[in-house]
Amino acid sequence: MRYTIITSLLILAASALPIAGGATQTPASPTPDAAANAPAVAAKQDISVSVLDGKITLRLPGDFVDQSRKDAAGQNSGVVVSLYVNKSRSQVVGISEVPTAAGDANDTSDDAFNKMAQGAFSGLKTQFNHVTKTGQTTPVAGGHKFLRIDSKQEMKGEAMMGTILVTPYSARVVTLQILTPESGASGHDLLVKHILDSIAFH
């Protein structure tokens, strides 16, 4: 159920993004003279994201905007979902916090992760078309083990790149889901790396 909740929110957000027809375009390169004379543009600062009431923190590029639902009634009982959207790159990052089952508070064993992987992949197949898993690894971020699942899928005829990062912590299962149009594949990998490199546990 946890994967259906977060994936449904990702679809809702992504449906409003200009992804159809390859909206992620590469602008024309400026001439050397124009580049030399152009005024310096300050890069947007990262935004800090707090998960589990500050027990986990991470950073997203400054172009992301918090579009989480603020009303408590909009969240399922015991489940917290946050949503961040970068419209310029048509990227979406969803984060969910779900209570773990009794006895599974911080289980990062291979068996536990395999069960999580099955649940996550089943959730993807109920929400997207032509879902293909392209990778499954267990990276360490912030000194803590994560399950990473990479996938390709289609939404409204548009090919999408997806990554799910899952870990149990403090009696909750934290799931991050990143979605990018396939036309921006290189940006997807950079975003996932940016998130993993910034994760800290407190």
N, C-alpha and C. Protein backbone atom coordinates (compact mmCIF):
# COMPACT_ATOMS: atom_id res chain seq x y z
N MET A 1 0.83 -1.21 0.00
CA MET A 1 0.00 0.00 0.00
C MET A 1 0.86 1.25 0.00
N ARG A 2 1.98 1.25 0.73
CA ARG A 2 2.79 2.46 0.85
C ARG A 2 3.29 2.92 -0.52
N TYR A 3 3.59 1.96 -1.42
CA TYR A 3 4.13 2.32 -2.71
C TYR A 3 3.04 2.87 -3.62
N THR A 4 1.81 2.34 -3.47
CA THR A 4 0.68 2.86 -4.24
C THR A 4 0.39 4.30 -3.86
N ILE A 5 0.47 4.62 -2.57
CA ILE A 5 0.22 5.99 -2.12
C ILE A 5 1.19 6.96 -2.74
N ILE A 6 2.47 6.69 -2.62
CA ILE A 6 3.44 7.66 -3.10
C ILE A 6 3.47 7.72 -4.63
N THR A 7 3.30 6.58 -5.30
CA THR A 7 3.31 6.59 -6.75
C THR A 7 2.10 7.32 -7.30
N SER A 8 0.95 7.20 -6.64
CA SER A 8 -0.22 7.95 -7.07
C SER A 8 0.02 9.45 -7.00
N LEU A 9 0.70 9.91 -5.96
CA LEU A 9 1.02 11.33 -5.85
C LEU A 9 2.00 11.76 -6.92
N LEU A 10 2.95 10.92 -7.23
CA LEU A 10 3.90 11.25 -8.29
C LEU A 10 3.20 11.40 -9.63
N ILE A 11 2.26 10.50 -9.91
CA ILE A 11 1.52 10.59 -11.16
C ILE A 11 0.72 11.87 -11.21
N LEU A 12 0.07 12.22 -10.11
CA LEU A 12 -0.71 13.44 -10.05
C LEU A 12 0.15 14.66 -10.33
N ALA A 13 1.32 14.72 -9.73
CA ALA A 13 2.20 15.86 -9.94
C ALA A 13 2.78 15.86 -11.35
N ALA A 14 3.24 14.70 -11.79
CA ALA A 14 3.88 14.62 -13.10
C ALA A 14 2.90 14.90 -14.23
N SER A 15 1.62 14.61 -14.02
CA SER A 15 0.64 14.85 -15.08
C SER A 15 0.49 16.32 -15.40
N ALA A 16 0.88 17.19 -14.46
CA ALA A 16 0.79 18.62 -14.69
C ALA A 16 2.06 19.19 -15.29
N LEU A 17 3.09 18.36 -15.45
CA LEU A 17 4.36 18.84 -15.98
C LEU A 17 4.36 18.77 -17.50
N PRO A 18 5.11 19.66 -18.16
CA PRO A 18 5.15 19.69 -19.62
C PRO A 18 6.10 18.66 -20.19
N ILE A 19 5.80 17.36 -19.97
CA ILE A 19 6.71 16.32 -20.41
C ILE A 19 6.41 15.84 -21.82
N ALA A 20 5.18 16.03 -22.27
CA ALA A 20 4.81 15.50 -23.57
C ALA A 20 5.62 16.16 -24.67
N GLY A 21 6.01 15.35 -25.64
CA GLY A 21 6.73 15.91 -26.77
C GLY A 21 8.14 16.31 -26.46
N GLY A 22 8.73 15.74 -25.39
CA GLY A 22 10.12 16.03 -25.07
C GLY A 22 10.33 17.45 -24.62
N ALA A 23 9.62 17.85 -23.57
CA ALA A 23 9.68 19.24 -23.11
C ALA A 23 11.04 19.61 -22.54
N THR A 24 11.81 18.61 -22.12
CA THR A 24 13.14 18.90 -21.59
C THR A 24 14.08 19.12 -22.76
N GLN A 25 14.30 20.36 -23.13
CA GLN A 25 15.07 20.70 -24.31
C GLN A 25 16.40 21.30 -23.92
N THR A 26 17.39 21.11 -24.78
CA THR A 26 18.70 21.69 -24.56
C THR A 26 18.76 23.02 -25.27
N PRO A 27 18.98 24.14 -24.56
CA PRO A 27 19.03 25.44 -25.21
C PRO A 27 20.24 25.55 -26.12
N ALA A 28 20.14 26.44 -27.10
CA ALA A 28 21.25 26.66 -28.02
C ALA A 28 22.45 27.19 -27.25
N SER A 29 23.64 26.70 -27.61
CA SER A 29 24.85 27.14 -26.93
C SER A 29 25.20 28.56 -27.34
N PRO A 30 25.56 29.44 -26.42
CA PRO A 30 25.92 30.80 -26.76
C PRO A 30 27.26 30.84 -27.46
N THR A 31 27.49 31.88 -28.23
CA THR A 31 28.78 32.05 -28.85
C THR A 31 29.81 32.37 -27.79
N PRO A 32 31.12 32.13 -28.05
CA PRO A 32 32.15 32.44 -27.04
C PRO A 32 32.10 33.88 -26.57
N ASP A 33 31.89 34.84 -27.50
CA ASP A 33 31.85 36.25 -27.10
C ASP A 33 30.67 36.51 -26.18
N ALA A 34 29.53 35.94 -26.54
CA ALA A 34 28.33 36.17 -25.73
C ALA A 34 28.50 35.57 -24.35
N ALA A 35 29.12 34.40 -24.30
CA ALA A 35 29.33 33.74 -23.01
C ALA A 35 30.28 34.55 -22.13
N ALA A 36 31.30 35.14 -22.76
CA ALA A 36 32.29 35.89 -21.99
C ALA A 36 31.71 37.17 -21.44
N ASN A 37 30.77 37.78 -22.18
CA ASN A 37 30.21 39.06 -21.78
C ASN A 37 28.92 38.93 -20.96
N ALA A 38 28.43 37.72 -20.84
CA ALA A 38 27.17 37.54 -20.13
C ALA A 38 27.38 37.75 -18.63
N PRO A 39 26.42 38.38 -17.95
CA PRO A 39 26.55 38.58 -16.50
C PRO A 39 26.48 37.25 -15.77
N ALA A 40 27.20 37.14 -14.67
CA ALA A 40 27.19 35.91 -13.88
C ALA A 40 25.82 35.72 -13.25
N VAL A 41 25.33 34.49 -13.31
CA VAL A 41 24.03 34.17 -12.72
C VAL A 41 24.27 33.25 -11.54
N ALA A 42 23.83 33.66 -10.38
CA ALA A 42 24.05 32.86 -9.18
C ALA A 42 23.17 31.62 -9.22
N ALA A 43 23.78 30.48 -8.94
CA ALA A 43 23.01 29.24 -8.89
C ALA A 43 22.12 29.25 -7.66
N LYS A 44 20.93 28.68 -7.82
CA LYS A 44 20.01 28.62 -6.69
C LYS A 44 20.57 27.69 -5.62
N GLN A 45 20.44 28.11 -4.39
CA GLN A 45 20.90 27.27 -3.29
C GLN A 45 19.99 26.06 -3.13
N ASP A 46 20.59 24.96 -2.67
CA ASP A 46 19.80 23.76 -2.38
C ASP A 46 18.75 24.07 -1.33
N ILE A 47 17.68 23.31 -1.37
CA ILE A 47 16.69 23.39 -0.30
C ILE A 47 16.88 22.19 0.62
N SER A 48 16.73 22.41 1.90
CA SER A 48 16.90 21.35 2.88
C SER A 48 15.55 20.69 3.14
N VAL A 49 15.54 19.37 3.17
CA VAL A 49 14.31 18.61 3.39
C VAL A 49 14.48 17.79 4.66
N SER A 50 13.52 17.89 5.55
CA SER A 50 13.53 17.18 6.82
C SER A 50 12.56 16.01 6.75
N VAL A 51 13.04 14.84 7.15
CA VAL A 51 12.22 13.63 7.16
C VAL A 51 12.22 13.06 8.59
N LEU A 52 11.13 12.45 8.97
CA LEU A 52 11.00 11.88 10.33
C LEU A 52 11.29 12.93 11.39
N ASP A 53 10.69 14.10 11.24
CA ASP A 53 10.85 15.18 12.21
C ASP A 53 12.31 15.54 12.45
N GLY A 54 13.10 15.52 11.38
CA GLY A 54 14.50 15.94 11.48
C GLY A 54 15.48 14.82 11.77
N LYS A 55 14.99 13.59 11.94
CA LYS A 55 15.91 12.47 12.18
C LYS A 55 16.72 12.14 10.93
N ILE A 56 16.14 12.48 9.76
CA ILE A 56 16.85 12.34 8.49
C ILE A 56 16.73 13.67 7.76
N THR A 57 17.82 14.12 7.15
CA THR A 57 17.77 15.32 6.32
C THR A 57 18.44 15.01 4.98
N LEU A 58 18.02 15.75 3.97
CA LEU A 58 18.62 15.64 2.65
C LEU A 58 18.44 16.98 1.93
N ARG A 59 19.10 17.11 0.78
CA ARG A 59 19.01 18.35 0.02
C ARG A 59 18.54 18.08 -1.40
N LEU A 60 17.75 19.02 -1.91
CA LEU A 60 17.31 18.99 -3.30
C LEU A 60 17.79 20.26 -3.98
N PRO A 61 18.04 20.22 -5.29
CA PRO A 61 18.41 21.44 -6.01
C PRO A 61 17.37 22.54 -5.82
N GLY A 62 17.82 23.78 -5.88
CA GLY A 62 16.96 24.91 -5.56
C GLY A 62 15.78 25.11 -6.48
N ASP A 63 15.76 24.45 -7.65
CA ASP A 63 14.64 24.59 -8.57
C ASP A 63 13.42 23.78 -8.13
N PHE A 64 13.58 22.93 -7.14
CA PHE A 64 12.44 22.14 -6.67
C PHE A 64 11.55 22.99 -5.76
N VAL A 65 10.25 22.75 -5.88
CA VAL A 65 9.25 23.47 -5.09
C VAL A 65 8.43 22.46 -4.29
N ASP A 66 8.22 22.78 -3.03
CA ASP A 66 7.43 21.91 -2.15
C ASP A 66 5.96 22.01 -2.54
N GLN A 67 5.39 20.90 -2.99
CA GLN A 67 3.97 20.86 -3.34
C GLN A 67 3.25 19.80 -2.51
N SER A 68 3.72 19.61 -1.29
CA SER A 68 3.10 18.64 -0.39
C SER A 68 1.72 19.12 0.02
N ARG A 69 0.84 18.17 0.28
CA ARG A 69 -0.49 18.51 0.79
C ARG A 69 -0.35 18.86 2.27
N LYS A 70 -0.86 19.99 2.64
CA LYS A 70 -0.69 20.46 4.02
C LYS A 70 -1.82 20.00 4.94
N ASP A 71 -2.96 19.61 4.37
CA ASP A 71 -4.09 19.24 5.21
C ASP A 71 -3.90 17.83 5.74
N ALA A 72 -4.11 17.68 7.05
CA ALA A 72 -3.93 16.38 7.69
C ALA A 72 -4.90 15.35 7.14
N ALA A 73 -6.09 15.80 6.72
CA ALA A 73 -7.09 14.86 6.21
C ALA A 73 -6.65 14.25 4.88
N GLY A 74 -5.73 14.94 4.19
CA GLY A 74 -5.26 14.44 2.91
C GLY A 74 -4.23 13.34 3.04
N GLN A 75 -3.74 13.12 4.23
CA GLN A 75 -2.74 12.07 4.46
C GLN A 75 -3.43 10.88 5.12
N ASN A 76 -3.04 9.67 4.70
CA ASN A 76 -3.58 8.48 5.34
C ASN A 76 -3.10 8.40 6.79
N SER A 77 -3.90 7.80 7.63
CA SER A 77 -3.55 7.69 9.04
C SER A 77 -2.22 6.97 9.20
N GLY A 78 -1.29 7.62 9.91
CA GLY A 78 0.02 7.03 10.16
C GLY A 78 0.99 7.18 9.03
N VAL A 79 0.59 7.79 7.92
CA VAL A 79 1.46 7.94 6.75
C VAL A 79 1.70 9.42 6.49
N VAL A 80 2.96 9.78 6.27
CA VAL A 80 3.32 11.16 5.93
C VAL A 80 3.92 11.15 4.53
N VAL A 81 3.39 11.98 3.65
CA VAL A 81 3.89 12.05 2.28
C VAL A 81 4.26 13.48 1.93
N SER A 82 5.46 13.67 1.37
CA SER A 82 5.89 14.98 0.90
C SER A 82 6.17 14.89 -0.59
N LEU A 83 5.99 16.02 -1.28
CA LEU A 83 6.12 16.03 -2.74
C LEU A 83 6.85 17.28 -3.19
N TYR A 84 7.88 17.11 -4.02
CA TYR A 84 8.68 18.22 -4.53
C TYR A 84 8.75 18.13 -6.05
N VAL A 85 8.56 19.27 -6.72
CA VAL A 85 8.47 19.28 -8.18
C VAL A 85 9.43 20.31 -8.76
N ASN A 86 10.14 19.90 -9.81
CA ASN A 86 10.99 20.81 -10.59
C ASN A 86 10.37 20.88 -11.99
N LYS A 87 9.60 21.93 -12.23
CA LYS A 87 8.87 22.01 -13.49
C LYS A 87 9.79 22.26 -14.68
N SER A 88 10.90 22.96 -14.46
CA SER A 88 11.79 23.24 -15.58
C SER A 88 12.42 21.97 -16.14
N ARG A 89 12.63 20.97 -15.29
CA ARG A 89 13.20 19.70 -15.74
C ARG A 89 12.18 18.57 -15.73
N SER A 90 10.93 18.89 -15.39
CA SER A 90 9.86 17.89 -15.34
C SER A 90 10.22 16.72 -14.43
N GLN A 91 10.81 17.04 -13.28
CA GLN A 91 11.19 16.01 -12.32
C GLN A 91 10.33 16.10 -11.06
N VAL A 92 10.08 14.94 -10.47
CA VAL A 92 9.29 14.87 -9.25
C VAL A 92 10.01 13.99 -8.23
N VAL A 93 10.02 14.44 -6.98
CA VAL A 93 10.57 13.64 -5.88
C VAL A 93 9.48 13.50 -4.82
N GLY A 94 9.11 12.27 -4.53
CA GLY A 94 8.14 12.01 -3.47
C GLY A 94 8.81 11.30 -2.31
N ILE A 95 8.39 11.63 -1.10
CA ILE A 95 8.96 11.02 0.10
C ILE A 95 7.81 10.56 0.99
N SER A 96 7.85 9.30 1.40
CA SER A 96 6.81 8.81 2.30
C SER A 96 7.42 8.22 3.56
N GLU A 97 6.69 8.34 4.66
CA GLU A 97 7.05 7.75 5.95
C GLU A 97 5.88 6.87 6.38
N VAL A 98 6.16 5.59 6.57
CA VAL A 98 5.11 4.62 6.90
C VAL A 98 5.55 3.79 8.10
N PRO A 99 4.68 3.58 9.09
CA PRO A 99 5.05 2.73 10.23
C PRO A 99 5.45 1.33 9.77
N THR A 100 6.50 0.77 10.37
CA THR A 100 6.93 -0.58 10.03
C THR A 100 6.06 -1.60 10.76
N ALA A 101 6.07 -2.81 10.23
CA ALA A 101 5.37 -3.90 10.90
C ALA A 101 6.12 -4.25 12.18
N ALA A 102 5.40 -4.80 13.13
CA ALA A 102 6.01 -5.18 14.41
C ALA A 102 7.19 -6.12 14.18
N GLY A 103 8.32 -5.81 14.80
CA GLY A 103 9.50 -6.65 14.69
C GLY A 103 10.41 -6.30 13.53
N ASP A 104 9.99 -5.36 12.67
CA ASP A 104 10.78 -5.00 11.49
C ASP A 104 11.30 -3.57 11.57
N ALA A 105 11.49 -3.06 12.78
CA ALA A 105 11.78 -1.65 12.97
C ALA A 105 12.97 -1.15 12.16
N ASN A 106 14.07 -1.89 12.17
CA ASN A 106 15.27 -1.42 11.46
C ASN A 106 15.93 -2.56 10.70
N ASP A 107 15.13 -3.41 10.08
CA ASP A 107 15.64 -4.60 9.41
C ASP A 107 16.13 -4.24 8.00
N THR A 108 17.44 -4.28 7.80
CA THR A 108 18.02 -4.02 6.48
C THR A 108 18.69 -5.28 5.93
N SER A 109 18.20 -6.42 6.34
CA SER A 109 18.74 -7.69 5.85
C SER A 109 18.35 -7.88 4.39
N ASP A 110 19.05 -8.78 3.71
CA ASP A 110 18.74 -9.07 2.32
C ASP A 110 17.31 -9.55 2.16
N ASP A 111 16.86 -10.36 3.10
CA ASP A 111 15.49 -10.88 3.03
C ASP A 111 14.47 -9.75 3.13
N ALA A 112 14.70 -8.83 4.06
CA ALA A 112 13.78 -7.70 4.22
C ALA A 112 13.78 -6.82 2.99
N PHE A 113 14.95 -6.55 2.44
CA PHE A 113 15.03 -5.71 1.26
C PHE A 113 14.41 -6.38 0.03
N ASN A 114 14.54 -7.70 -0.08
CA ASN A 114 13.91 -8.39 -1.20
C ASN A 114 12.39 -8.29 -1.13
N LYS A 115 11.85 -8.36 0.08
CA LYS A 115 10.40 -8.20 0.25
C LYS A 115 9.98 -6.78 -0.11
N MET A 116 10.78 -5.79 0.31
CA MET A 116 10.48 -4.40 -0.04
C MET A 116 10.54 -4.20 -1.55
N ALA A 117 11.52 -4.83 -2.20
CA ALA A 117 11.68 -4.70 -3.65
C ALA A 117 10.46 -5.25 -4.37
N GLN A 118 9.96 -6.39 -3.91
CA GLN A 118 8.77 -6.98 -4.53
C GLN A 118 7.57 -6.06 -4.38
N GLY A 119 7.42 -5.48 -3.17
CA GLY A 119 6.30 -4.58 -2.95
C GLY A 119 6.40 -3.32 -3.78
N ALA A 120 7.61 -2.77 -3.88
CA ALA A 120 7.81 -1.54 -4.65
C ALA A 120 7.54 -1.79 -6.12
N PHE A 121 8.03 -2.89 -6.65
CA PHE A 121 7.85 -3.17 -8.08
C PHE A 121 6.38 -3.44 -8.40
N SER A 122 5.69 -4.13 -7.48
CA SER A 122 4.26 -4.35 -7.68
C SER A 122 3.49 -3.03 -7.70
N GLY A 123 3.91 -2.11 -6.82
CA GLY A 123 3.27 -0.79 -6.80
C GLY A 123 3.48 -0.04 -8.10
N LEU A 124 4.68 -0.12 -8.66
CA LEU A 124 4.95 0.55 -9.94
C LEU A 124 4.07 -0.01 -11.05
N LYS A 125 3.91 -1.33 -11.07
CA LYS A 125 3.16 -1.95 -12.16
C LYS A 125 1.67 -1.63 -12.09
N THR A 126 1.16 -1.30 -10.90
CA THR A 126 -0.24 -0.93 -10.80
C THR A 126 -0.49 0.50 -11.24
N GLN A 127 0.55 1.32 -11.31
CA GLN A 127 0.37 2.74 -11.59
C GLN A 127 0.90 3.16 -12.97
N PHE A 128 1.88 2.44 -13.52
CA PHE A 128 2.49 2.80 -14.80
C PHE A 128 2.32 1.68 -15.82
N ASN A 129 2.59 2.01 -17.07
CA ASN A 129 2.57 1.02 -18.14
C ASN A 129 3.99 0.61 -18.52
N HIS A 130 4.14 -0.62 -18.99
CA HIS A 130 5.41 -1.12 -19.53
C HIS A 130 6.57 -0.89 -18.55
N VAL A 131 6.38 -1.34 -17.33
CA VAL A 131 7.40 -1.15 -16.30
C VAL A 131 8.50 -2.20 -16.44
N THR A 132 9.75 -1.75 -16.45
CA THR A 132 10.90 -2.64 -16.52
C THR A 132 11.89 -2.26 -15.43
N LYS A 133 12.28 -3.21 -14.61
CA LYS A 133 13.31 -2.94 -13.61
C LYS A 133 14.67 -2.98 -14.28
N THR A 134 15.45 -1.92 -14.11
CA THR A 134 16.76 -1.84 -14.76
C THR A 134 17.92 -2.02 -13.78
N GLY A 135 17.62 -2.06 -12.49
CA GLY A 135 18.70 -2.25 -11.53
C GLY A 135 18.18 -2.37 -10.11
N GLN A 136 18.92 -3.08 -9.28
CA GLN A 136 18.62 -3.19 -7.85
C GLN A 136 19.94 -3.29 -7.10
N THR A 137 20.20 -2.32 -6.23
CA THR A 137 21.45 -2.28 -5.47
C THR A 137 21.14 -1.88 -4.03
N THR A 138 22.16 -1.91 -3.17
CA THR A 138 22.00 -1.52 -1.77
C THR A 138 23.09 -0.51 -1.41
N PRO A 139 22.94 0.74 -1.86
CA PRO A 139 23.95 1.76 -1.53
C PRO A 139 23.87 2.15 -0.06
N VAL A 140 24.96 2.72 0.43
CA VAL A 140 25.02 3.26 1.79
C VAL A 140 25.04 4.77 1.69
N ALA A 141 24.13 5.42 2.38
CA ALA A 141 24.06 6.89 2.39
C ALA A 141 23.92 7.35 3.82
N GLY A 142 24.76 8.30 4.22
CA GLY A 142 24.72 8.77 5.60
C GLY A 142 25.05 7.68 6.59
N GLY A 143 25.82 6.68 6.15
CA GLY A 143 26.17 5.57 7.04
C GLY A 143 25.07 4.55 7.22
N HIS A 144 24.00 4.64 6.40
CA HIS A 144 22.86 3.75 6.56
C HIS A 144 22.58 3.06 5.23
N LYS A 145 22.18 1.81 5.30
CA LYS A 145 21.94 1.00 4.10
C LYS A 145 20.57 1.28 3.51
N PHE A 146 20.53 1.46 2.19
CA PHE A 146 19.29 1.70 1.45
C PHE A 146 19.10 0.60 0.41
N LEU A 147 17.86 0.36 0.05
CA LEU A 147 17.52 -0.42 -1.13
C LEU A 147 17.25 0.57 -2.26
N ARG A 148 17.93 0.36 -3.39
CA ARG A 148 17.70 1.20 -4.57
C ARG A 148 17.16 0.35 -5.71
N ILE A 149 16.06 0.79 -6.29
CA ILE A 149 15.47 0.13 -7.45
C ILE A 149 15.36 1.15 -8.57
N ASP A 150 15.97 0.85 -9.71
CA ASP A 150 15.87 1.70 -10.88
C ASP A 150 14.93 1.05 -11.89
N SER A 151 14.18 1.88 -12.60
CA SER A 151 13.19 1.34 -13.52
C SER A 151 12.93 2.29 -14.68
N LYS A 152 12.33 1.73 -15.71
CA LYS A 152 11.78 2.51 -16.82
C LYS A 152 10.31 2.18 -16.91
N GLN A 153 9.49 3.17 -17.25
CA GLN A 153 8.06 2.96 -17.37
C GLN A 153 7.47 4.03 -18.28
N GLU A 154 6.21 3.87 -18.60
CA GLU A 154 5.52 4.85 -19.43
C GLU A 154 4.35 5.45 -18.69
N MET A 155 4.14 6.74 -18.90
CA MET A 155 2.98 7.43 -18.35
C MET A 155 2.41 8.32 -19.45
N LYS A 156 1.17 8.07 -19.84
CA LYS A 156 0.54 8.83 -20.92
C LYS A 156 1.38 8.80 -22.19
N GLY A 157 2.00 7.66 -22.46
CA GLY A 157 2.80 7.51 -23.65
C GLY A 157 4.20 8.07 -23.57
N GLU A 158 4.56 8.67 -22.44
CA GLU A 158 5.89 9.25 -22.26
C GLU A 158 6.79 8.30 -21.49
N ALA A 159 7.98 8.04 -22.03
CA ALA A 159 8.93 7.17 -21.34
C ALA A 159 9.52 7.91 -20.15
N MET A 160 9.56 7.25 -18.99
CA MET A 160 10.02 7.87 -17.76
C MET A 160 11.10 7.01 -17.11
N MET A 161 12.08 7.70 -16.49
CA MET A 161 13.08 7.06 -15.66
C MET A 161 12.60 7.14 -14.21
N GLY A 162 12.81 6.07 -13.46
CA GLY A 162 12.40 6.09 -12.06
C GLY A 162 13.42 5.46 -11.14
N THR A 163 13.55 5.99 -9.95
CA THR A 163 14.39 5.40 -8.91
C THR A 163 13.64 5.43 -7.59
N ILE A 164 13.66 4.32 -6.89
CA ILE A 164 13.08 4.23 -5.55
C ILE A 164 14.22 3.95 -4.57
N LEU A 165 14.26 4.73 -3.49
CA LEU A 165 15.22 4.52 -2.40
C LEU A 165 14.42 4.23 -1.14
N VAL A 166 14.70 3.10 -0.51
CA VAL A 166 13.93 2.67 0.66
C VAL A 166 14.85 2.28 1.79
N THR A 167 14.49 2.68 3.00
CA THR A 167 15.20 2.19 4.19
C THR A 167 14.29 2.26 5.41
N PRO A 168 14.38 1.28 6.32
CA PRO A 168 13.67 1.38 7.59
C PRO A 168 14.51 2.15 8.60
N TYR A 169 13.86 2.99 9.39
CA TYR A 169 14.60 3.75 10.41
C TYR A 169 13.62 4.26 11.46
N SER A 170 13.98 4.08 12.70
CA SER A 170 13.19 4.61 13.82
C SER A 170 11.73 4.18 13.72
N ALA A 171 11.53 2.87 13.50
CA ALA A 171 10.20 2.26 13.44
C ALA A 171 9.34 2.78 12.29
N ARG A 172 9.99 3.32 11.25
CA ARG A 172 9.27 3.78 10.05
C ARG A 172 10.02 3.29 8.81
N VAL A 173 9.29 3.12 7.73
CA VAL A 173 9.92 2.86 6.44
C VAL A 173 9.88 4.15 5.64
N VAL A 174 11.05 4.63 5.27
CA VAL A 174 11.16 5.87 4.49
C VAL A 174 11.40 5.50 3.03
N THR A 175 10.57 6.02 2.15
CA THR A 175 10.68 5.75 0.72
C THR A 175 10.82 7.06 -0.03
N LEU A 176 11.86 7.16 -0.85
CA LEU A 176 12.02 8.29 -1.76
C LEU A 176 11.82 7.77 -3.17
N GLN A 177 11.03 8.47 -3.95
CA GLN A 177 10.79 8.07 -5.33
C GLN A 177 11.06 9.25 -6.24
N ILE A 178 11.94 9.03 -7.23
CA ILE A 178 12.36 10.09 -8.14
C ILE A 178 11.91 9.72 -9.54
N LEU A 179 11.30 10.68 -10.24
CA LEU A 179 10.73 10.43 -11.56
C LEU A 179 11.20 11.52 -12.51
N THR A 180 11.72 11.11 -13.69
CA THR A 180 12.25 12.04 -14.68
C THR A 180 11.90 11.54 -16.08
N PRO A 181 11.54 12.42 -17.01
CA PRO A 181 11.35 11.98 -18.40
C PRO A 181 12.64 11.35 -18.93
N GLU A 182 12.51 10.32 -19.75
CA GLU A 182 13.70 9.62 -20.26
C GLU A 182 14.60 10.56 -21.06
N SER A 183 14.02 11.60 -21.64
CA SER A 183 14.83 12.56 -22.40
C SER A 183 15.82 13.29 -21.50
N GLY A 184 15.58 13.27 -20.19
CA GLY A 184 16.51 13.90 -19.25
C GLY A 184 17.24 12.88 -18.40
N ALA A 185 17.61 11.74 -19.01
CA ALA A 185 18.19 10.63 -18.26
C ALA A 185 19.45 11.02 -17.50
N SER A 186 20.32 11.82 -18.10
CA SER A 186 21.55 12.21 -17.41
C SER A 186 21.23 13.05 -16.18
N GLY A 187 20.22 13.90 -16.27
CA GLY A 187 19.81 14.70 -15.12
C GLY A 187 19.21 13.85 -14.03
N HIS A 188 18.60 12.74 -14.41
CA HIS A 188 18.03 11.84 -13.40
C HIS A 188 19.12 11.23 -12.55
N ASP A 189 20.13 10.71 -13.19
CA ASP A 189 21.24 10.09 -12.44
C ASP A 189 21.93 11.10 -11.53
N LEU A 190 22.10 12.32 -12.03
CA LEU A 190 22.74 13.36 -11.21
C LEU A 190 21.89 13.70 -9.99
N LEU A 191 20.56 13.75 -10.18
CA LEU A 191 19.67 14.06 -9.06
C LEU A 191 19.73 12.97 -8.01
N VAL A 192 19.69 11.71 -8.43
CA VAL A 192 19.75 10.61 -7.48
C VAL A 192 21.06 10.66 -6.68
N LYS A 193 22.17 10.91 -7.39
CA LYS A 193 23.47 11.02 -6.70
C LYS A 193 23.47 12.19 -5.73
N HIS A 194 22.90 13.32 -6.15
CA HIS A 194 22.84 14.51 -5.30
C HIS A 194 22.09 14.19 -4.00
N ILE A 195 20.98 13.48 -4.12
CA ILE A 195 20.18 13.13 -2.94
C ILE A 195 20.96 12.17 -2.03
N LEU A 196 21.51 11.12 -2.62
CA LEU A 196 22.24 10.14 -1.81
C LEU A 196 23.44 10.78 -1.10
N ASP A 197 24.16 11.65 -1.79
CA ASP A 197 25.33 12.30 -1.18
C ASP A 197 24.95 13.24 -0.05
N SER A 198 23.71 13.73 -0.06
CA SER A 198 23.31 14.73 0.94
C SER A 198 22.61 14.14 2.16
N ILE A 199 22.23 12.87 2.11
CA ILE A 199 21.45 12.26 3.19
C ILE A 199 22.29 12.18 4.47
N ALA A 200 21.67 12.59 5.56
CA ALA A 200 22.32 12.52 6.88
C ALA A 200 21.31 12.03 7.90
N PHE A 201 21.78 11.22 8.85
CA PHE A 201 20.94 10.71 9.94
C PHE A 201 21.35 11.41 11.24
N HIS A 202 20.36 11.78 12.05
CA HIS A 202 20.64 12.57 13.26
C HIS A 202 20.06 11.88 14.50
